[in-house]
PDB file of N, CA and C in Angstrom:
ATOM      1  N   MET A   1      20.831  21.535  48.638  1.00  0.00           N
ATOM      2  CA  MET A   1      20.193  21.032  47.697  1.00  0.00           C
ATOM      3  C   MET A   1      19.455  21.834  46.744  1.00  0.00           C
ATOM      4  N   ALA A   2      19.632  21.759  45.544  1.00  0.00           N
ATOM      5  CA  ALA A   2      19.269  22.946  44.610  1.00  0.00           C
ATOM      6  C   ALA A   2      18.409  21.756  43.580  1.00  0.00           C
ATOM      7  N   PHE A   3      17.614  22.470  42.963  1.00  0.00           N
ATOM      8  CA  PHE A   3      16.778  21.923  41.616  1.00  0.00           C
ATOM      9  C   PHE A   3      17.710  22.089  40.355  1.00  0.00           C
ATOM     10  N   GLN A   4      17.586  21.095  39.481  1.00  0.00           N
ATOM     11  CA  GLN A   4      18.282  20.965  38.156  1.00  0.00           C
ATOM     12  C   GLN A   4      17.747  20.598  36.988  1.00  0.00           C
ATOM     13  N   LYS A   5      17.497  21.430  36.037  1.00  0.00           N
ATOM     14  CA  LYS A   5      16.765  21.150  34.933  1.00  0.00           C
ATOM     15  C   LYS A   5      17.444  19.773  34.218  1.00  0.00           C
ATOM     16  N   VAL A   6      16.477  19.002  34.023  1.00  0.00           N
ATOM     17  CA  VAL A   6      16.525  17.798  33.312  1.00  0.00           C
ATOM     18  C   VAL A   6      15.976  17.181  32.126  1.00  0.00           C
ATOM     19  N   ALA A   7      15.190  18.000  31.490  1.00  0.00           N
ATOM     20  CA  ALA A   7      14.514  17.910  30.557  1.00  0.00           C
ATOM     21  C   ALA A   7      13.354  19.040  30.309  1.00  0.00           C
ATOM     22  N   SER A   8      12.766  19.190  29.236  1.00  0.00           N
ATOM     23  CA  SER A   8      11.709  19.922  28.721  1.00  0.00           C
ATOM     24  C   SER A   8      10.650  18.949  28.764  1.00  0.00           C
ATOM     25  N   VAL A   9       9.331  19.421  28.724  1.00  0.00           N
ATOM     26  CA  VAL A   9       8.108  18.802  29.020  1.00  0.00           C
ATOM     27  C   VAL A   9       7.770  17.848  27.730  1.00  0.00           C
ATOM     28  N   SER A  10       8.104  18.497  26.925  1.00  0.00           N
ATOM     29  CA  SER A  10       7.949  18.247  25.667  1.00  0.00           C
ATOM     30  C   SER A  10       8.734  16.662  25.190  1.00  0.00           C
ATOM     31  N   GLU A  11       9.999  16.354  26.115  1.00  0.00           N
ATOM     32  CA  GLU A  11      10.782  15.555  25.948  1.00  0.00           C
ATOM     33  C   GLU A  11      10.120  14.145  26.895  1.00  0.00           C
ATOM     34  N   LEU A  12       9.048  14.499  27.302  1.00  0.00           N
ATOM     35  CA  LEU A  12       8.441  13.695  28.246  1.00  0.00           C
ATOM     36  C   LEU A  12       7.179  13.335  28.065  1.00  0.00           C
ATOM     37  N   PRO A  13       6.744  12.743  27.377  1.00  0.00           N
ATOM     38  CA  PRO A  13       5.213  12.919  27.037  1.00  0.00           C
ATOM     39  C   PRO A  13       4.568  11.929  28.123  1.00  0.00           C
ATOM     40  N   PRO A  14       3.259  11.962  28.370  1.00  0.00           N
ATOM     41  CA  PRO A  14       2.440  10.945  29.405  1.00  0.00           C
ATOM     42  C   PRO A  14       2.790   9.513  29.102  1.00  0.00           C
ATOM     43  N   GLY A  15       2.823   9.071  30.080  1.00  0.00           N
ATOM     44  CA  GLY A  15       3.213   7.603  29.639  1.00  0.00           C
ATOM     45  C   GLY A  15       4.539   6.929  29.864  1.00  0.00           C
ATOM     46  N   SER A  16       5.658   8.035  29.629  1.00  0.00           N
ATOM     47  CA  SER A  16       6.881   7.713  29.383  1.00  0.00           C
ATOM     48  C   SER A  16       7.980   7.785  30.349  1.00  0.00           C
ATOM     49  N   THR A  17       9.035   6.952  30.517  1.00  0.00           N
ATOM     50  CA  THR A  17      10.082   7.127  31.569  1.00  0.00           C
ATOM     51  C   THR A  17      11.404   7.492  30.531  1.00  0.00           C
ATOM     52  N   LYS A  18      12.342   8.369  31.211  1.00  0.00           N
ATOM     53  CA  LYS A  18      13.737   8.585  30.599  1.00  0.00           C
ATOM     54  C   LYS A  18      14.384   8.542  31.857  1.00  0.00           C
ATOM     55  N   VAL A  19      15.814   8.177  31.755  1.00  0.00           N
ATOM     56  CA  VAL A  19      16.624   8.211  32.739  1.00  0.00           C
ATOM     57  C   VAL A  19      17.595   9.320  32.537  1.00  0.00           C
ATOM     58  N   PHE A  20      17.989   9.877  33.688  1.00  0.00           N
ATOM     59  CA  PHE A  20      18.761  11.184  33.640  1.00  0.00           C
ATOM     60  C   PHE A  20      19.775  11.123  34.391  1.00  0.00           C
ATOM     61  N   GLU A  21      21.356  11.759  34.094  1.00  0.00           N
ATOM     62  CA  GLU A  21      22.321  12.036  35.368  1.00  0.00           C
ATOM     63  C   GLU A  21      22.208  13.195  35.535  1.00  0.00           C
ATOM     64  N   VAL A  22      22.003  13.076  37.189  1.00  0.00           N
ATOM     65  CA  VAL A  22      21.725  14.344  38.122  1.00  0.00           C
ATOM     66  C   VAL A  22      22.378  14.435  39.259  1.00  0.00           C
ATOM     67  N   GLY A  23      23.581  15.381  38.844  1.00  0.00           N
ATOM     68  CA  GLY A  23      24.814  15.106  39.789  1.00  0.00           C
ATOM     69  C   GLY A  23      25.450  13.703  39.822  1.00  0.00           C
ATOM     70  N   ASP A  24      25.741  13.235  40.961  1.00  0.00           N
ATOM     71  CA  ASP A  24      26.112  11.851  41.059  1.00  0.00           C
ATOM     72  C   ASP A  24      25.118  10.469  40.836  1.00  0.00           C
ATOM     73  N   ARG A  25      24.119  10.913  40.614  1.00  0.00           N
ATOM     74  CA  ARG A  25      22.771  10.227  40.516  1.00  0.00           C
ATOM     75  C   ARG A  25      21.968   9.984  39.584  1.00  0.00           C
ATOM     76  N   ALA A  26      21.960   8.471  39.016  1.00  0.00           N
ATOM     77  CA  ALA A  26      20.971   8.391  37.900  1.00  0.00           C
ATOM     78  C   ALA A  26      19.402   8.415  38.313  1.00  0.00           C
ATOM     79  N   VAL A  27      18.658   9.269  37.813  1.00  0.00           N
ATOM     80  CA  VAL A  27      17.307   9.189  37.940  1.00  0.00           C
ATOM     81  C   VAL A  27      16.316   8.856  36.554  1.00  0.00           C
ATOM     82  N   ALA A  28      15.429   8.343  37.059  1.00  0.00           N
ATOM     83  CA  ALA A  28      13.979   7.796  36.035  1.00  0.00           C
ATOM     84  C   ALA A  28      13.412   8.942  36.348  1.00  0.00           C
ATOM     85  N   VAL A  29      13.068   9.695  35.133  1.00  0.00           N
ATOM     86  CA  VAL A  29      11.860  10.676  35.521  1.00  0.00           C
ATOM     87  C   VAL A  29      10.592   9.959  34.842  1.00  0.00           C
ATOM     88  N   CYS A  30       9.289  10.279  35.171  1.00  0.00           N
ATOM     89  CA  CYS A  30       8.431   9.377  34.765  1.00  0.00           C
ATOM     90  C   CYS A  30       6.668  10.352  34.796  1.00  0.00           C
ATOM     91  N   ASN A  31       6.355  10.685  33.867  1.00  0.00           N
ATOM     92  CA  ASN A  31       5.133  11.276  33.466  1.00  0.00           C
ATOM     93  C   ASN A  31       4.009  10.555  33.645  1.00  0.00           C
ATOM     94  N   VAL A  32       3.289  10.479  34.727  1.00  0.00           N
ATOM     95  CA  VAL A  32       1.983   9.877  34.847  1.00  0.00           C
ATOM     96  C   VAL A  32       0.839  10.849  34.698  1.00  0.00           C
ATOM     97  N   ASP A  33       0.143  10.530  33.413  1.00  0.00           N
ATOM     98  CA  ASP A  33      -0.750  11.751  32.959  1.00  0.00           C
ATOM     99  C   ASP A  33      -0.887  13.155  33.430  1.00  0.00           C
ATOM    100  N   GLY A  34       0.609  13.328  32.940  1.00  0.00           N
ATOM    101  CA  GLY A  34       0.853  15.311  33.202  1.00  0.00           C
ATOM    102  C   GLY A  34       1.431  15.490  34.534  1.00  0.00           C
ATOM    103  N   GLN A  35       1.551  14.609  35.337  1.00  0.00           N
ATOM    104  CA  GLN A  35       2.581  14.673  36.272  1.00  0.00           C
ATOM    105  C   GLN A  35       3.612  13.963  36.495  1.00  0.00           C
ATOM    106  N   VAL A  36       4.648  14.887  36.878  1.00  0.00           N
ATOM    107  CA  VAL A  36       6.019  14.146  36.796  1.00  0.00           C
ATOM    108  C   VAL A  36       6.688  13.723  38.188  1.00  0.00           C
ATOM    109  N   TYR A  37       7.196  12.479  38.109  1.00  0.00           N
ATOM    110  CA  TYR A  37       7.760  11.989  39.319  1.00  0.00           C
ATOM    111  C   TYR A  37       9.266  11.601  39.067  1.00  0.00           C
ATOM    112  N   ALA A  38      10.236  11.461  39.961  1.00  0.00           N
ATOM    113  CA  ALA A  38      11.191  11.200  39.753  1.00  0.00           C
ATOM    114  C   ALA A  38      11.881  10.048  40.768  1.00  0.00           C
ATOM    115  N   ILE A  39      12.484   9.181  40.551  1.00  0.00           N
ATOM    116  CA  ILE A  39      12.901   7.970  41.493  1.00  0.00           C
ATOM    117  C   ILE A  39      14.339   7.728  41.037  1.00  0.00           C
ATOM    118  N   GLU A  40      14.927   7.170  42.200  1.00  0.00           N
ATOM    119  CA  GLU A  40      16.199   6.599  41.870  1.00  0.00           C
ATOM    120  C   GLU A  40      16.489   5.451  40.758  1.00  0.00           C
ATOM    121  N   ASP A  41      17.439   5.865  39.544  1.00  0.00           N
ATOM    122  CA  ASP A  41      17.249   4.634  38.518  1.00  0.00           C
ATOM    123  C   ASP A  41      18.305   3.420  39.199  1.00  0.00           C
ATOM    124  N   VAL A  42      17.453   2.430  39.944  1.00  0.00           N
ATOM    125  CA  VAL A  42      18.021   1.464  40.538  1.00  0.00           C
ATOM    126  C   VAL A  42      16.868   0.462  41.160  1.00  0.00           C
ATOM    127  N   CYS A  43      16.495  -0.517  40.808  1.00  0.00           N
ATOM    128  CA  CYS A  43      15.792  -1.486  41.005  1.00  0.00           C
ATOM    129  C   CYS A  43      16.573  -2.200  42.519  1.00  0.00           C
ATOM    130  N   THR A  44      15.897  -1.994  43.909  1.00  0.00           N
ATOM    131  CA  THR A  44      16.312  -2.470  45.016  1.00  0.00           C
ATOM    132  C   THR A  44      16.061  -3.715  45.157  1.00  0.00           C
ATOM    133  N   HIS A  45      15.651  -4.684  44.222  1.00  0.00           N
ATOM    134  CA  HIS A  45      15.975  -6.229  44.587  1.00  0.00           C
ATOM    135  C   HIS A  45      17.236  -6.603  43.765  1.00  0.00           C
ATOM    136  N   ASP A  46      17.575  -6.035  42.684  1.00  0.00           N
ATOM    137  CA  ASP A  46      19.071  -6.468  41.352  1.00  0.00           C
ATOM    138  C   ASP A  46      19.843  -5.194  41.521  1.00  0.00           C
ATOM    139  N   GLY A  47      19.356  -4.159  41.469  1.00  0.00           N
ATOM    140  CA  GLY A  47      20.079  -3.229  41.276  1.00  0.00           C
ATOM    141  C   GLY A  47      20.327  -2.748  39.318  1.00  0.00           C
ATOM    142  N   ALA A  48      19.156  -3.161  38.741  1.00  0.00           N
ATOM    143  CA  ALA A  48      19.036  -2.856  37.256  1.00  0.00           C
ATOM    144  C   ALA A  48      18.318  -1.493  37.321  1.00  0.00           C
ATOM    145  N   SER A  49      18.788  -1.109  35.895  1.00  0.00           N
ATOM    146  CA  SER A  49      18.271  -0.003  35.637  1.00  0.00           C
ATOM    147  C   SER A  49      16.785   0.365  34.911  1.00  0.00           C
ATOM    148  N   PHE A  50      16.102   1.538  35.108  1.00  0.00           N
ATOM    149  CA  PHE A  50      14.951   1.356  34.865  1.00  0.00           C
ATOM    150  C   PHE A  50      14.336   2.093  33.364  1.00  0.00           C
ATOM    151  N   ASP A  51      15.560   1.836  32.372  1.00  0.00           N
ATOM    152  CA  ASP A  51      15.771   2.544  31.263  1.00  0.00           C
ATOM    153  C   ASP A  51      15.061   1.951  30.488  1.00  0.00           C
ATOM    154  N   GLN A  52      14.908   0.527  30.402  1.00  0.00           N
ATOM    155  CA  GLN A  52      13.947  -0.132  29.538  1.00  0.00           C
ATOM    156  C   GLN A  52      12.630  -0.382  30.278  1.00  0.00           C
ATOM    157  N   ALA A  53      12.155  -0.006  31.689  1.00  0.00           N
ATOM    158  CA  ALA A  53      10.869  -0.309  32.280  1.00  0.00           C
ATOM    159  C   ALA A  53       9.779   0.037  31.604  1.00  0.00           C
ATOM    160  N   GLU A  54       8.752  -0.735  31.996  1.00  0.00           N
ATOM    161  CA  GLU A  54       7.390  -0.138  31.448  1.00  0.00           C
ATOM    162  C   GLU A  54       6.616   0.616  32.639  1.00  0.00           C
ATOM    163  N   LEU A  55       6.063   1.509  32.081  1.00  0.00           N
ATOM    164  CA  LEU A  55       5.345   2.578  33.297  1.00  0.00           C
ATOM    165  C   LEU A  55       3.589   2.073  32.797  1.00  0.00           C
ATOM    166  N   GLU A  56       3.044   1.574  33.999  1.00  0.00           N
ATOM    167  CA  GLU A  56       1.645   1.384  33.627  1.00  0.00           C
ATOM    168  C   GLU A  56       1.080   2.158  34.666  1.00  0.00           C
ATOM    169  N   GLY A  57       0.346   3.110  34.737  1.00  0.00           N
ATOM    170  CA  GLY A  57      -0.176   3.847  35.653  1.00  0.00           C
ATOM    171  C   GLY A  57       0.743   4.840  36.398  1.00  0.00           C
ATOM    172  N   CYS A  58       1.036   4.766  37.525  1.00  0.00           N
ATOM    173  CA  CYS A  58       1.716   5.003  38.354  1.00  0.00           C
ATOM    174  C   CYS A  58       2.921   4.025  38.917  1.00  0.00           C
ATOM    175  N   GLU A  59       2.806   3.008  38.327  1.00  0.00           N
ATOM    176  CA  GLU A  59       3.675   1.944  38.765  1.00  0.00           C
ATOM    177  C   GLU A  59       4.553   1.628  37.445  1.00  0.00           C
ATOM    178  N   ILE A  60       6.255   1.080  38.011  1.00  0.00           N
ATOM    179  CA  ILE A  60       7.168   1.070  37.075  1.00  0.00           C
ATOM    180  C   ILE A  60       7.548  -0.402  37.224  1.00  0.00           C
ATOM    181  N   GLU A  61       7.749  -0.951  36.446  1.00  0.00           N
ATOM    182  CA  GLU A  61       8.087  -2.441  36.826  1.00  0.00           C
ATOM    183  C   GLU A  61       9.484  -2.837  36.199  1.00  0.00           C
ATOM    184  N   CYS A  62      10.381  -3.195  36.854  1.00  0.00           N
ATOM    185  CA  CYS A  62      11.665  -3.560  36.298  1.00  0.00           C
ATOM    186  C   CYS A  62      11.727  -4.674  35.199  1.00  0.00           C
ATOM    187  N   PRO A  63      12.399  -4.247  34.323  1.00  0.00           N
ATOM    188  CA  PRO A  63      12.580  -5.214  33.396  1.00  0.00           C
ATOM    189  C   PRO A  63      13.168  -6.600  33.590  1.00  0.00           C
ATOM    190  N   ARG A  64      14.065  -6.594  34.618  1.00  0.00           N
ATOM    191  CA  ARG A  64      14.860  -7.911  34.870  1.00  0.00           C
ATOM    192  C   ARG A  64      14.070  -8.757  35.282  1.00  0.00           C
ATOM    193  N   HIS A  65      13.028  -8.747  36.438  1.00  0.00           N
ATOM    194  CA  HIS A  65      12.677  -9.756  37.628  1.00  0.00           C
ATOM    195  C   HIS A  65      11.174  -9.647  37.459  1.00  0.00           C
ATOM    196  N   GLY A  66      10.725  -8.279  36.973  1.00  0.00           N
ATOM    197  CA  GLY A  66       9.262  -7.847  37.271  1.00  0.00           C
ATOM    198  C   GLY A  66       9.181  -7.275  38.375  1.00  0.00           C
ATOM    199  N   ALA A  67       9.918  -6.921  39.188  1.00  0.00           N
ATOM    200  CA  ALA A  67       9.493  -6.063  40.707  1.00  0.00           C
ATOM    201  C   ALA A  67       8.939  -4.870  40.064  1.00  0.00           C
ATOM    202  N   ARG A  68       7.786  -4.430  41.021  1.00  0.00           N
ATOM    203  CA  ARG A  68       6.922  -3.189  40.724  1.00  0.00           C
ATOM    204  C   ARG A  68       7.094  -2.004  41.644  1.00  0.00           C
ATOM    205  N   PHE A  69       7.293  -0.486  41.252  1.00  0.00           N
ATOM    206  CA  PHE A  69       7.540   0.514  42.377  1.00  0.00           C
ATOM    207  C   PHE A  69       6.272   1.417  42.078  1.00  0.00           C
ATOM    208  N   ASP A  70       5.709   2.186  42.872  1.00  0.00           N
ATOM    209  CA  ASP A  70       5.033   3.280  42.671  1.00  0.00           C
ATOM    210  C   ASP A  70       6.043   4.379  42.412  1.00  0.00           C
ATOM    211  N   VAL A  71       5.930   5.128  41.267  1.00  0.00           N
ATOM    212  CA  VAL A  71       6.803   6.141  41.251  1.00  0.00           C
ATOM    213  C   VAL A  71       6.330   7.390  42.175  1.00  0.00           C
ATOM    214  N   ARG A  72       5.116   7.326  42.669  1.00  0.00           N
ATOM    215  CA  ARG A  72       4.697   8.784  43.422  1.00  0.00           C
ATOM    216  C   ARG A  72       5.517   8.812  44.534  1.00  0.00           C
ATOM    217  N   ASP A  73       5.749   7.344  45.383  1.00  0.00           N
ATOM    218  CA  ASP A  73       6.498   7.201  46.668  1.00  0.00           C
ATOM    219  C   ASP A  73       7.362   6.441  46.866  1.00  0.00           C
ATOM    220  N   GLY A  74       7.766   5.760  45.634  1.00  0.00           N
ATOM    221  CA  GLY A  74       8.751   4.672  45.849  1.00  0.00           C
ATOM    222  C   GLY A  74       8.652   3.481  46.595  1.00  0.00           C
ATOM    223  N   THR A  75       7.573   3.532  46.700  1.00  0.00           N
ATOM    224  CA  THR A  75       6.967   2.004  47.646  1.00  0.00           C
ATOM    225  C   THR A  75       7.227   0.883  46.792  1.00  0.00           C
ATOM    226  N   ALA A  76       7.508  -0.088  46.969  1.00  0.00           N
ATOM    227  CA  ALA A  76       7.770  -1.664  46.395  1.00  0.00           C
ATOM    228  C   ALA A  76       6.502  -2.038  46.542  1.00  0.00           C
ATOM    229  N   THR A  77       5.860  -2.461  45.183  1.00  0.00           N
ATOM    230  CA  THR A  77       4.460  -2.879  45.106  1.00  0.00           C
ATOM    231  C   THR A  77       4.310  -4.407  44.637  1.00  0.00           C
ATOM    232  N   GLU A  78       5.525  -4.878  44.051  1.00  0.00           N
ATOM    233  CA  GLU A  78       5.260  -6.094  43.846  1.00  0.00           C
ATOM    234  C   GLU A  78       6.834  -6.816  43.968  1.00  0.00           C
ATOM    235  N   LEU A  79       6.380  -8.168  44.358  1.00  0.00           N
ATOM    236  CA  LEU A  79       8.162  -9.227  44.549  1.00  0.00           C
ATOM    237  C   LEU A  79       8.568  -9.030  43.247  1.00  0.00           C
ATOM    238  N   PRO A  80       9.926  -9.536  43.646  1.00  0.00           N
ATOM    239  CA  PRO A  80      10.595  -9.786  44.600  1.00  0.00           C
ATOM    240  C   PRO A  80      11.372  -8.227  45.191  1.00  0.00           C
ATOM    241  N   ALA A  81      10.876  -7.387  44.818  1.00  0.00           N
ATOM    242  CA  ALA A  81      11.247  -6.148  45.768  1.00  0.00           C
ATOM    243  C   ALA A  81      10.554  -5.994  46.913  1.00  0.00           C
ATOM    244  N   VAL A  82      11.034  -5.874  48.008  1.00  0.00           N
ATOM    245  CA  VAL A  82      10.494  -5.101  48.998  1.00  0.00           C
ATOM    246  C   VAL A  82      10.930  -3.808  49.957  1.00  0.00           C
ATOM    247  N   VAL A  83      12.054  -3.468  49.361  1.00  0.00           N
ATOM    248  CA  VAL A  83      12.528  -2.152  49.810  1.00  0.00           C
ATOM    249  C   VAL A  83      12.407  -1.154  48.679  1.00  0.00           C
ATOM    250  N   PRO A  84      11.712   0.245  49.253  1.00  0.00           N
ATOM    251  CA  PRO A  84      11.326   1.091  48.351  1.00  0.00           C
ATOM    252  C   PRO A  84      12.235   1.784  47.705  1.00  0.00           C
ATOM    253  N   VAL A  85      12.157   2.501  46.315  1.00  0.00           N
ATOM    254  CA  VAL A  85      13.446   3.437  45.940  1.00  0.00           C
ATOM    255  C   VAL A  85      13.419   4.638  46.343  1.00  0.00           C
ATOM    256  N   ASP A  86      14.588   5.141  46.339  1.00  0.00           N
ATOM    257  CA  ASP A  86      14.374   6.865  46.292  1.00  0.00           C
ATOM    258  C   ASP A  86      13.535   7.595  45.539  1.00  0.00           C
ATOM    259  N   THR A  87      12.931   8.588  46.079  1.00  0.00           N
ATOM    260  CA  THR A  87      12.374   9.695  45.016  1.00  0.00           C
ATOM    261  C   THR A  87      12.747  10.934  45.524  1.00  0.00           C
ATOM    262  N   PHE A  88      12.709  11.781  44.480  1.00  0.00           N
ATOM    263  CA  PHE A  88      13.355  13.067  44.840  1.00  0.00           C
ATOM    264  C   PHE A  88      12.163  13.985  44.098  1.00  0.00           C
ATOM    265  N   LYS A  89      12.154  15.301  44.629  1.00  0.00           N
ATOM    266  CA  LYS A  89      11.336  16.377  44.204  1.00  0.00           C
ATOM    267  C   LYS A  89      11.464  16.706  42.995  1.00  0.00           C
ATOM    268  N   VAL A  90      10.213  17.019  42.439  1.00  0.00           N
ATOM    269  CA  VAL A  90      10.653  17.492  41.229  1.00  0.00           C
ATOM    270  C   VAL A  90       9.579  18.809  40.925  1.00  0.00           C
ATOM    271  N   ARG A  91       9.598  19.771  40.296  1.00  0.00           N
ATOM    272  CA  ARG A  91       9.226  20.884  39.554  1.00  0.00           C
ATOM    273  C   ARG A  91       8.903  21.048  38.324  1.00  0.00           C
ATOM    274  N   VAL A  92       8.182  21.634  37.730  1.00  0.00           N
ATOM    275  CA  VAL A  92       7.818  22.253  36.365  1.00  0.00           C
ATOM    276  C   VAL A  92       7.983  23.577  36.066  1.00  0.00           C
ATOM    277  N   GLU A  93       8.497  24.235  35.740  1.00  0.00           N
ATOM    278  CA  GLU A  93       9.110  25.440  35.507  1.00  0.00           C
ATOM    279  C   GLU A  93       8.722  26.132  33.876  1.00  0.00           C
ATOM    280  N   GLY A  94       7.630  26.217  33.699  1.00  0.00           N
ATOM    281  CA  GLY A  94       7.602  26.751  32.364  1.00  0.00           C
ATOM    282  C   GLY A  94       7.545  25.428  31.607  1.00  0.00           C
ATOM    283  N   GLU A  95       8.643  25.151  30.392  1.00  0.00           N
ATOM    284  CA  GLU A  95       8.602  24.108  29.884  1.00  0.00           C
ATOM    285  C   GLU A  95       9.955  23.159  30.427  1.00  0.00           C
ATOM    286  N   ASP A  96      10.241  23.490  31.748  1.00  0.00           N
ATOM    287  CA  ASP A  96      11.581  22.916  32.345  1.00  0.00           C
ATOM    288  C   ASP A  96      10.851  21.915  33.498  1.00  0.00           C
ATOM    289  N   ILE A  97      11.592  20.876  33.414  1.00  0.00           N
ATOM    290  CA  ILE A  97      11.607  19.797  34.138  1.00  0.00           C
ATOM    291  C   ILE A  97      12.751  19.984  34.970  1.00  0.00           C
ATOM    292  N   GLU A  98      12.366  20.466  36.229  1.00  0.00           N
ATOM    293  CA  GLU A  98      13.759  19.950  37.205  1.00  0.00           C
ATOM    294  C   GLU A  98      13.628  19.288  38.415  1.00  0.00           C
ATOM    295  N   ILE A  99      14.468  18.815  38.991  1.00  0.00           N
ATOM    296  CA  ILE A  99      14.843  17.548  40.098  1.00  0.00           C
ATOM    297  C   ILE A  99      15.737  18.271  41.430  1.00  0.00           C
ATOM    298  N   GLU A 100      15.215  18.006  42.455  1.00  0.00           N
ATOM    299  CA  GLU A 100      16.071  18.431  43.612  1.00  0.00           C
ATOM    300  C   GLU A 100      16.613  17.370  43.953  1.00  0.00           C
ATOM    301  N   ILE A 101      18.214  17.699  44.041  1.00  0.00           N
ATOM    302  CA  ILE A 101      19.185  16.235  44.374  1.00  0.00           C
ATOM    303  C   ILE A 101      19.794  16.929  45.736  1.00  0.00           C
TER     304      ILE A 101
END
């Protein structure tokens, strides 16, 4: 596995989420107060994308049914989801946000 650049720090301000294709996976990259996290872009409840999701603190809410996940570790924090989402290692090298897949 190798790290791949997905964005620049300036493209992902605190409190925002963007979805990127990394290899053959869609990844939601989230900036929580300057700390960057990456989760698989699929709600484990119904397969929805987090592209239009709200990020509140360290939790992201699926826009379809309101399931919530902690972006730091993928834990499902609100029903109807009970299965966690996959997470990925993130590093920031200078201005580059890189994801390991």
